[in-house]
Amino acid sequence: MADNGLSDKIKGGVNKVKGEVKDQVGNATDNASLQAEGKKDKLKGEVQEGIGKLKD
């Protein structure tokens, strides 16, 4: 069965949500490191979603 990109889209969505939470918690607690990690996770999620869309 061919991978239709759904797996990448799901992983991307999870990483975006995880990244948003880290970004917000880092912001609320004045933790620049956690905030930066959250932004990195969000970007990773966006890339994964893009790959999933290309596979469709």
PDB file of N, CA and C in Angstrom:
ATOM      1  N   MET A   1       0.855  -1.188   0.000  1.00  0.00           N
ATOM      2  CA  MET A   1       0.000   0.000   0.000  1.00  0.00           C
ATOM      3  C   MET A   1       0.894   1.242   0.000  1.00  0.00           C
ATOM      4  N   ALA A   2       0.639   2.152  -0.877  1.00  0.00           N
ATOM      5  CA  ALA A   2       1.447   3.364  -1.003  1.00  0.00           C
ATOM      6  C   ALA A   2       1.146   4.337   0.127  1.00  0.00           C
ATOM      7  N   ASP A   3       2.197   5.038   0.549  1.00  0.00           N
ATOM      8  CA  ASP A   3       2.022   6.066   1.580  1.00  0.00           C
ATOM      9  C   ASP A   3       1.446   7.301   0.895  1.00  0.00           C
ATOM     10  N   ASN A   4       0.254   7.682   1.289  1.00  0.00           N
ATOM     11  CA  ASN A   4      -0.404   8.816   0.641  1.00  0.00           C
ATOM     12  C   ASN A   4      -0.123  10.144   1.338  1.00  0.00           C
ATOM     13  N   GLY A   5       0.806  10.136   2.254  1.00  0.00           N
ATOM     14  CA  GLY A   5       1.156  11.377   2.929  1.00  0.00           C
ATOM     15  C   GLY A   5       0.407  11.620   4.223  1.00  0.00           C
ATOM     16  N   LEU A   6      -0.571  10.785   4.524  1.00  0.00           N
ATOM     17  CA  LEU A   6      -1.358  10.988   5.743  1.00  0.00           C
ATOM     18  C   LEU A   6      -0.485  10.902   6.998  1.00  0.00           C
ATOM     19  N   SER A   7       0.419   9.950   7.018  1.00  0.00           N
ATOM     20  CA  SER A   7       1.319   9.786   8.165  1.00  0.00           C
ATOM     21  C   SER A   7       2.130  11.060   8.404  1.00  0.00           C
ATOM     22  N   ASP A   8       2.667  11.638   7.349  1.00  0.00           N
ATOM     23  CA  ASP A   8       3.445  12.872   7.491  1.00  0.00           C
ATOM     24  C   ASP A   8       2.562  14.023   7.964  1.00  0.00           C
ATOM     25  N   LYS A   9       1.342  14.080   7.469  1.00  0.00           N
ATOM     26  CA  LYS A   9       0.426  15.146   7.885  1.00  0.00           C
ATOM     27  C   LYS A   9       0.094  15.023   9.375  1.00  0.00           C
ATOM     28  N   ILE A  10      -0.127  13.799   9.827  1.00  0.00           N
ATOM     29  CA  ILE A  10      -0.454  13.576  11.240  1.00  0.00           C
ATOM     30  C   ILE A  10       0.743  13.940  12.114  1.00  0.00           C
ATOM     31  N   LYS A  11       1.932  13.450  11.741  1.00  0.00           N
ATOM     32  CA  LYS A  11       3.133  13.774  12.508  1.00  0.00           C
ATOM     33  C   LYS A  11       3.363  15.284  12.520  1.00  0.00           C
ATOM     34  N   GLY A  12       3.131  15.912  11.393  1.00  0.00           N
ATOM     35  CA  GLY A  12       3.292  17.361  11.304  1.00  0.00           C
ATOM     36  C   GLY A  12       2.342  18.093  12.225  1.00  0.00           C
ATOM     37  N   GLY A  13       1.104  17.648  12.245  1.00  0.00           N
ATOM     38  CA  GLY A  13       0.113  18.267  13.118  1.00  0.00           C
ATOM     39  C   GLY A  13       0.467  18.113  14.589  1.00  0.00           C
ATOM     40  N   VAL A  14       0.946  16.934  14.956  1.00  0.00           N
ATOM     41  CA  VAL A  14       1.348  16.681  16.341  1.00  0.00           C
ATOM     42  C   VAL A  14       2.517  17.583  16.719  1.00  0.00           C
ATOM     43  N   ASN A  15       3.508  17.684  15.836  1.00  0.00           N
ATOM     44  CA  ASN A  15       4.671  18.526  16.132  1.00  0.00           C
ATOM     45  C   ASN A  15       4.291  19.997  16.231  1.00  0.00           C
ATOM     46  N   LYS A  16       3.354  20.435  15.399  1.00  0.00           N
ATOM     47  CA  LYS A  16       2.917  21.834  15.468  1.00  0.00           C
ATOM     48  C   LYS A  16       2.235  22.124  16.799  1.00  0.00           C
ATOM     49  N   VAL A  17       1.372  21.214  17.245  1.00  0.00           N
ATOM     50  CA  VAL A  17       0.674  21.401  18.527  1.00  0.00           C
ATOM     51  C   VAL A  17       1.678  21.360  19.680  1.00  0.00           C
ATOM     52  N   LYS A  18       2.564  20.373  19.654  1.00  0.00           N
ATOM     53  CA  LYS A  18       3.589  20.254  20.697  1.00  0.00           C
ATOM     54  C   LYS A  18       4.449  21.519  20.736  1.00  0.00           C
ATOM     55  N   GLY A  19       4.814  22.006  19.564  1.00  0.00           N
ATOM     56  CA  GLY A  19       5.630  23.206  19.489  1.00  0.00           C
ATOM     57  C   GLY A  19       4.910  24.430  20.011  1.00  0.00           C
ATOM     58  N   GLU A  20       3.625  24.530  19.704  1.00  0.00           N
ATOM     59  CA  GLU A  20       2.834  25.677  20.190  1.00  0.00           C
ATOM     60  C   GLU A  20       2.759  25.668  21.706  1.00  0.00           C
ATOM     61  N   VAL A  21       2.563  24.484  22.294  1.00  0.00           N
ATOM     62  CA  VAL A  21       2.493  24.384  23.757  1.00  0.00           C
ATOM     63  C   VAL A  21       3.825  24.810  24.376  1.00  0.00           C
ATOM     64  N   LYS A  22       4.929  24.284  23.833  1.00  0.00           N
ATOM     65  CA  LYS A  22       6.250  24.651  24.363  1.00  0.00           C
ATOM     66  C   LYS A  22       6.492  26.151  24.211  1.00  0.00           C
ATOM     67  N   ASP A  23       6.114  26.693  23.076  1.00  0.00           N
ATOM     68  CA  ASP A  23       6.296  28.122  22.821  1.00  0.00           C
ATOM     69  C   ASP A  23       5.529  28.945  23.850  1.00  0.00           C
ATOM     70  N   GLN A  24       4.282  28.587  24.096  1.00  0.00           N
ATOM     71  CA  GLN A  24       3.444  29.331  25.038  1.00  0.00           C
ATOM     72  C   GLN A  24       3.927  29.185  26.475  1.00  0.00           C
ATOM     73  N   VAL A  25       4.315  27.956  26.865  1.00  0.00           N
ATOM     74  CA  VAL A  25       4.816  27.742  28.226  1.00  0.00           C
ATOM     75  C   VAL A  25       6.133  28.488  28.407  1.00  0.00           C
ATOM     76  N   GLY A  26       6.993  28.418  27.409  1.00  0.00           N
ATOM     77  CA  GLY A  26       8.260  29.148  27.475  1.00  0.00           C
ATOM     78  C   GLY A  26       8.048  30.640  27.599  1.00  0.00           C
ATOM     79  N   ASN A  27       7.074  31.147  26.881  1.00  0.00           N
ATOM     80  CA  ASN A  27       6.742  32.569  26.944  1.00  0.00           C
ATOM     81  C   ASN A  27       6.191  32.932  28.326  1.00  0.00           C
ATOM     82  N   ALA A  28       5.297  32.109  28.825  1.00  0.00           N
ATOM     83  CA  ALA A  28       4.661  32.394  30.115  1.00  0.00           C
ATOM     84  C   ALA A  28       5.648  32.304  31.277  1.00  0.00           C
ATOM     85  N   THR A  29       6.640  31.431  31.166  1.00  0.00           N
ATOM     86  CA  THR A  29       7.599  31.235  32.251  1.00  0.00           C
ATOM     87  C   THR A  29       8.916  31.959  31.994  1.00  0.00           C
ATOM     88  N   ASP A  30       8.944  32.747  30.948  1.00  0.00           N
ATOM     89  CA  ASP A  30      10.141  33.506  30.577  1.00  0.00           C
ATOM     90  C   ASP A  30      11.333  32.580  30.338  1.00  0.00           C
ATOM     91  N   ASN A  31      11.045  31.429  29.692  1.00  0.00           N
ATOM     92  CA  ASN A  31      12.069  30.434  29.391  1.00  0.00           C
ATOM     93  C   ASN A  31      12.361  30.497  27.892  1.00  0.00           C
ATOM     94  N   ALA A  32      13.378  31.270  27.527  1.00  0.00           N
ATOM     95  CA  ALA A  32      13.696  31.483  26.114  1.00  0.00           C
ATOM     96  C   ALA A  32      14.095  30.191  25.415  1.00  0.00           C
ATOM     97  N   SER A  33      14.763  29.299  26.126  1.00  0.00           N
ATOM     98  CA  SER A  33      15.197  28.032  25.545  1.00  0.00           C
ATOM     99  C   SER A  33      13.992  27.167  25.155  1.00  0.00           C
ATOM    100  N   LEU A  34      13.021  27.065  26.055  1.00  0.00           N
ATOM    101  CA  LEU A  34      11.818  26.280  25.780  1.00  0.00           C
ATOM    102  C   LEU A  34      11.009  26.925  24.653  1.00  0.00           C
ATOM    103  N   GLN A  35      10.948  28.230  24.658  1.00  0.00           N
ATOM    104  CA  GLN A  35      10.223  28.949  23.620  1.00  0.00           C
ATOM    105  C   GLN A  35      10.867  28.694  22.251  1.00  0.00           C
ATOM    106  N   ALA A  36      12.189  28.722  22.186  1.00  0.00           N
ATOM    107  CA  ALA A  36      12.902  28.468  20.930  1.00  0.00           C
ATOM    108  C   ALA A  36      12.684  27.036  20.468  1.00  0.00           C
ATOM    109  N   GLU A  37      12.680  26.106  21.415  1.00  0.00           N
ATOM    110  CA  GLU A  37      12.433  24.701  21.079  1.00  0.00           C
ATOM    111  C   GLU A  37      11.026  24.539  20.498  1.00  0.00           C
ATOM    112  N   GLY A  38      10.071  25.254  21.059  1.00  0.00           N
ATOM    113  CA  GLY A  38       8.697  25.205  20.556  1.00  0.00           C
ATOM    114  C   GLY A  38       8.599  25.736  19.138  1.00  0.00           C
ATOM    115  N   LYS A  39       9.282  26.828  18.868  1.00  0.00           N
ATOM    116  CA  LYS A  39       9.267  27.386  17.512  1.00  0.00           C
ATOM    117  C   LYS A  39       9.895  26.414  16.518  1.00  0.00           C
ATOM    118  N   LYS A  40      10.953  25.724  16.956  1.00  0.00           N
ATOM    119  CA  LYS A  40      11.614  24.734  16.101  1.00  0.00           C
ATOM    120  C   LYS A  40      10.661  23.572  15.804  1.00  0.00           C
ATOM    121  N   ASP A  41       9.938  23.099  16.829  1.00  0.00           N
ATOM    122  CA  ASP A  41       8.984  22.003  16.642  1.00  0.00           C
ATOM    123  C   ASP A  41       7.855  22.414  15.694  1.00  0.00           C
ATOM    124  N   LYS A  42       7.383  23.653  15.825  1.00  0.00           N
ATOM    125  CA  LYS A  42       6.313  24.132  14.931  1.00  0.00           C
ATOM    126  C   LYS A  42       6.796  24.141  13.488  1.00  0.00           C
ATOM    127  N   LEU A  43       8.008  24.607  13.274  1.00  0.00           N
ATOM    128  CA  LEU A  43       8.569  24.638  11.923  1.00  0.00           C
ATOM    129  C   LEU A  43       8.722  23.226  11.374  1.00  0.00           C
ATOM    130  N   LYS A  44       9.207  22.308  12.208  1.00  0.00           N
ATOM    131  CA  LYS A  44       9.349  20.911  11.801  1.00  0.00           C
ATOM    132  C   LYS A  44       7.983  20.349  11.389  1.00  0.00           C
ATOM    133  N   GLY A  45       6.951  20.669  12.159  1.00  0.00           N
ATOM    134  CA  GLY A  45       5.604  20.200  11.840  1.00  0.00           C
ATOM    135  C   GLY A  45       5.103  20.748  10.522  1.00  0.00           C
ATOM    136  N   GLU A  46       5.395  22.018  10.253  1.00  0.00           N
ATOM    137  CA  GLU A  46       4.966  22.615   8.986  1.00  0.00           C
ATOM    138  C   GLU A  46       5.658  21.940   7.806  1.00  0.00           C
ATOM    139  N   VAL A  47       6.937  21.621   7.966  1.00  0.00           N
ATOM    140  CA  VAL A  47       7.674  20.932   6.908  1.00  0.00           C
ATOM    141  C   VAL A  47       7.086  19.538   6.683  1.00  0.00           C
ATOM    142  N   GLN A  48       6.813  18.810   7.766  1.00  0.00           N
ATOM    143  CA  GLN A  48       6.232  17.473   7.642  1.00  0.00           C
ATOM    144  C   GLN A  48       4.878  17.520   6.951  1.00  0.00           C
ATOM    145  N   GLU A  49       4.050  18.488   7.294  1.00  0.00           N
ATOM    146  CA  GLU A  49       2.749  18.612   6.639  1.00  0.00           C
ATOM    147  C   GLU A  49       2.925  18.892   5.151  1.00  0.00           C
ATOM    148  N   GLY A  50       3.895  19.725   4.822  1.00  0.00           N
ATOM    149  CA  GLY A  50       4.163  20.034   3.410  1.00  0.00           C
ATOM    150  C   GLY A  50       4.582  18.794   2.652  1.00  0.00           C
ATOM    151  N   ILE A  51       5.424  17.956   3.259  1.00  0.00           N
ATOM    152  CA  ILE A  51       5.850  16.709   2.622  1.00  0.00           C
ATOM    153  C   ILE A  51       4.638  15.802   2.422  1.00  0.00           C
ATOM    154  N   GLY A  52       3.776  15.733   3.420  1.00  0.00           N
ATOM    155  CA  GLY A  52       2.569  14.920   3.302  1.00  0.00           C
ATOM    156  C   GLY A  52       1.683  15.381   2.152  1.00  0.00           C
ATOM    157  N   LYS A  53       1.565  16.693   1.977  1.00  0.00           N
ATOM    158  CA  LYS A  53       0.739  17.219   0.879  1.00  0.00           C
ATOM    159  C   LYS A  53       1.361  16.892  -0.477  1.00  0.00           C
ATOM    160  N   LEU A  54       2.691  16.926  -0.541  1.00  0.00           N
ATOM    161  CA  LEU A  54       3.365  16.601  -1.799  1.00  0.00           C
ATOM    162  C   LEU A  54       3.166  15.136  -2.188  1.00  0.00           C
ATOM    163  N   LYS A  55       3.072  14.257  -1.182  1.00  0.00           N
ATOM    164  CA  LYS A  55       2.888  12.824  -1.444  1.00  0.00           C
ATOM    165  C   LYS A  55       1.491  12.505  -1.952  1.00  0.00           C
ATOM    166  N   ASP A  56       0.515  13.362  -1.655  1.00  0.00           N
ATOM    167  CA  ASP A  56      -0.877  13.104  -2.061  1.00  0.00           C
ATOM    168  C   ASP A  56      -1.051  13.139  -3.549  1.00  0.00           C
TER     169      ASP A  56
END
